[in-house]
Amino acid sequence: MQNESDGYTKPQEFRSFLFLTAVMAPVLTVIIVAGYGFAVWFYQLFAGPPGS
């Protein structure tokens, strides 16, 4: 017989889903885009702007 503590309940799963989709996905997207922008900026700091 399974115990209730063995798995997650539907409300817990729904809260986890909302947290991942409404909080973590946008935060990770911003971090990735900002990191890429910083890397390009840092590269151009040494290599110069494009076309020069």
N, C-alpha and C. Protein backbone atom coordinates (compact mmCIF):
# COMPACT_ATOMS: atom_id res chain seq x y z
N MET A 1 0.82 -1.18 0.00
CA MET A 1 0.00 0.00 0.00
C MET A 1 0.87 1.25 0.00
N GLN A 2 0.49 2.25 -0.79
CA GLN A 2 1.26 3.47 -0.85
C GLN A 2 0.81 4.45 0.23
N ASN A 3 1.80 5.12 0.76
CA ASN A 3 1.54 6.15 1.75
C ASN A 3 1.38 7.49 1.03
N GLU A 4 0.61 8.40 1.59
CA GLU A 4 0.40 9.72 0.97
C GLU A 4 1.69 10.50 0.86
N SER A 5 2.65 10.28 1.77
CA SER A 5 3.90 11.03 1.75
C SER A 5 4.87 10.51 0.68
N ASP A 6 4.53 9.41 0.01
CA ASP A 6 5.41 8.86 -1.02
C ASP A 6 5.43 9.73 -2.28
N GLY A 7 4.36 10.42 -2.57
CA GLY A 7 4.29 11.20 -3.79
C GLY A 7 3.81 12.61 -3.51
N TYR A 8 3.63 13.35 -4.58
CA TYR A 8 3.16 14.72 -4.46
C TYR A 8 1.65 14.75 -4.71
N THR A 9 1.00 15.66 -4.04
CA THR A 9 -0.43 15.82 -4.27
C THR A 9 -0.64 16.74 -5.47
N LYS A 10 -1.84 16.74 -6.00
CA LYS A 10 -2.13 17.57 -7.17
C LYS A 10 -1.91 19.06 -6.88
N PRO A 11 -2.32 19.59 -5.74
CA PRO A 11 -2.02 21.02 -5.48
C PRO A 11 -0.52 21.31 -5.42
N GLN A 12 0.26 20.39 -4.87
CA GLN A 12 1.71 20.59 -4.82
C GLN A 12 2.29 20.58 -6.23
N GLU A 13 1.84 19.67 -7.06
CA GLU A 13 2.31 19.62 -8.43
C GLU A 13 1.92 20.87 -9.19
N PHE A 14 0.70 21.36 -8.98
CA PHE A 14 0.25 22.57 -9.67
C PHE A 14 1.05 23.79 -9.23
N ARG A 15 1.34 23.91 -7.93
CA ARG A 15 2.16 25.01 -7.44
C ARG A 15 3.57 24.94 -8.01
N SER A 16 4.12 23.74 -8.09
CA SER A 16 5.45 23.57 -8.68
C SER A 16 5.44 23.97 -10.15
N PHE A 17 4.41 23.57 -10.87
CA PHE A 17 4.30 23.92 -12.29
C PHE A 17 4.20 25.43 -12.46
N LEU A 18 3.36 26.08 -11.66
CA LEU A 18 3.22 27.54 -11.75
C LEU A 18 4.53 28.24 -11.42
N PHE A 19 5.22 27.75 -10.40
CA PHE A 19 6.51 28.35 -10.03
C PHE A 19 7.52 28.22 -11.16
N LEU A 20 7.59 27.05 -11.77
CA LEU A 20 8.55 26.83 -12.86
C LEU A 20 8.21 27.67 -14.09
N THR A 21 6.93 27.76 -14.43
CA THR A 21 6.57 28.46 -15.65
C THR A 21 6.46 29.97 -15.46
N ALA A 22 6.01 30.43 -14.30
CA ALA A 22 5.78 31.86 -14.10
C ALA A 22 6.96 32.57 -13.47
N VAL A 23 7.84 31.84 -12.81
CA VAL A 23 8.97 32.47 -12.12
C VAL A 23 10.30 32.04 -12.73
N MET A 24 10.56 30.77 -12.72
CA MET A 24 11.90 30.29 -13.11
C MET A 24 12.18 30.46 -14.60
N ALA A 25 11.23 30.19 -15.47
CA ALA A 25 11.48 30.34 -16.91
C ALA A 25 11.82 31.78 -17.28
N PRO A 26 11.04 32.78 -16.83
CA PRO A 26 11.42 34.16 -17.15
C PRO A 26 12.75 34.57 -16.53
N VAL A 27 12.99 34.16 -15.30
CA VAL A 27 14.25 34.53 -14.63
C VAL A 27 15.43 33.93 -15.38
N LEU A 28 15.35 32.67 -15.74
CA LEU A 28 16.44 32.03 -16.48
C LEU A 28 16.62 32.67 -17.85
N THR A 29 15.54 33.06 -18.50
CA THR A 29 15.64 33.72 -19.80
C THR A 29 16.37 35.04 -19.68
N VAL A 30 16.02 35.83 -18.68
CA VAL A 30 16.69 37.12 -18.47
C VAL A 30 18.16 36.91 -18.16
N ILE A 31 18.48 35.93 -17.33
CA ILE A 31 19.88 35.67 -16.98
C ILE A 31 20.68 35.25 -18.21
N ILE A 32 20.10 34.39 -19.04
CA ILE A 32 20.81 33.92 -20.24
C ILE A 32 21.03 35.07 -21.23
N VAL A 33 19.99 35.87 -21.47
CA VAL A 33 20.12 36.98 -22.42
C VAL A 33 21.10 38.02 -21.89
N ALA A 34 21.02 38.33 -20.60
CA ALA A 34 21.94 39.31 -20.01
C ALA A 34 23.37 38.78 -20.03
N GLY A 35 23.55 37.50 -19.77
CA GLY A 35 24.88 36.90 -19.82
C GLY A 35 25.47 36.95 -21.22
N TYR A 36 24.65 36.68 -22.22
CA TYR A 36 25.13 36.76 -23.60
C TYR A 36 25.50 38.20 -23.96
N GLY A 37 24.66 39.14 -23.57
CA GLY A 37 24.95 40.54 -23.84
C GLY A 37 26.23 40.99 -23.15
N PHE A 38 26.44 40.54 -21.93
CA PHE A 38 27.67 40.88 -21.21
C PHE A 38 28.88 40.27 -21.91
N ALA A 39 28.74 39.03 -22.38
CA ALA A 39 29.86 38.38 -23.07
C ALA A 39 30.22 39.12 -24.35
N VAL A 40 29.21 39.54 -25.11
CA VAL A 40 29.47 40.29 -26.34
C VAL A 40 30.12 41.63 -26.01
N TRP A 41 29.59 42.32 -25.00
CA TRP A 41 30.16 43.61 -24.59
C TRP A 41 31.62 43.44 -24.15
N PHE A 42 31.89 42.41 -23.37
CA PHE A 42 33.24 42.18 -22.87
C PHE A 42 34.19 41.83 -24.02
N TYR A 43 33.72 41.03 -24.98
CA TYR A 43 34.53 40.71 -26.15
C TYR A 43 34.86 41.97 -26.95
N GLN A 44 33.86 42.81 -27.15
CA GLN A 44 34.07 44.03 -27.93
C GLN A 44 34.95 45.03 -27.19
N LEU A 45 35.01 44.92 -25.88
CA LEU A 45 35.90 45.78 -25.10
C LEU A 45 37.34 45.57 -25.52
N PHE A 46 37.71 44.33 -25.85
CA PHE A 46 39.08 44.00 -26.25
C PHE A 46 39.26 43.97 -27.76
N ALA A 47 38.27 43.47 -28.49
CA ALA A 47 38.41 43.29 -29.93
C ALA A 47 37.98 44.52 -30.72
N GLY A 48 37.32 45.44 -30.11
CA GLY A 48 36.82 46.62 -30.81
C GLY A 48 35.44 46.36 -31.38
N PRO A 49 34.78 47.44 -31.79
CA PRO A 49 33.43 47.28 -32.36
C PRO A 49 33.47 46.57 -33.70
N PRO A 50 32.35 46.04 -34.13
CA PRO A 50 32.32 45.35 -35.42
C PRO A 50 32.65 46.31 -36.56
N GLY A 51 33.42 45.82 -37.50
CA GLY A 51 33.75 46.61 -38.68
C GLY A 51 34.97 47.49 -38.52
N SER A 52 35.63 47.40 -37.38
CA SER A 52 36.82 48.25 -37.23
C SER A 52 38.10 47.44 -37.24
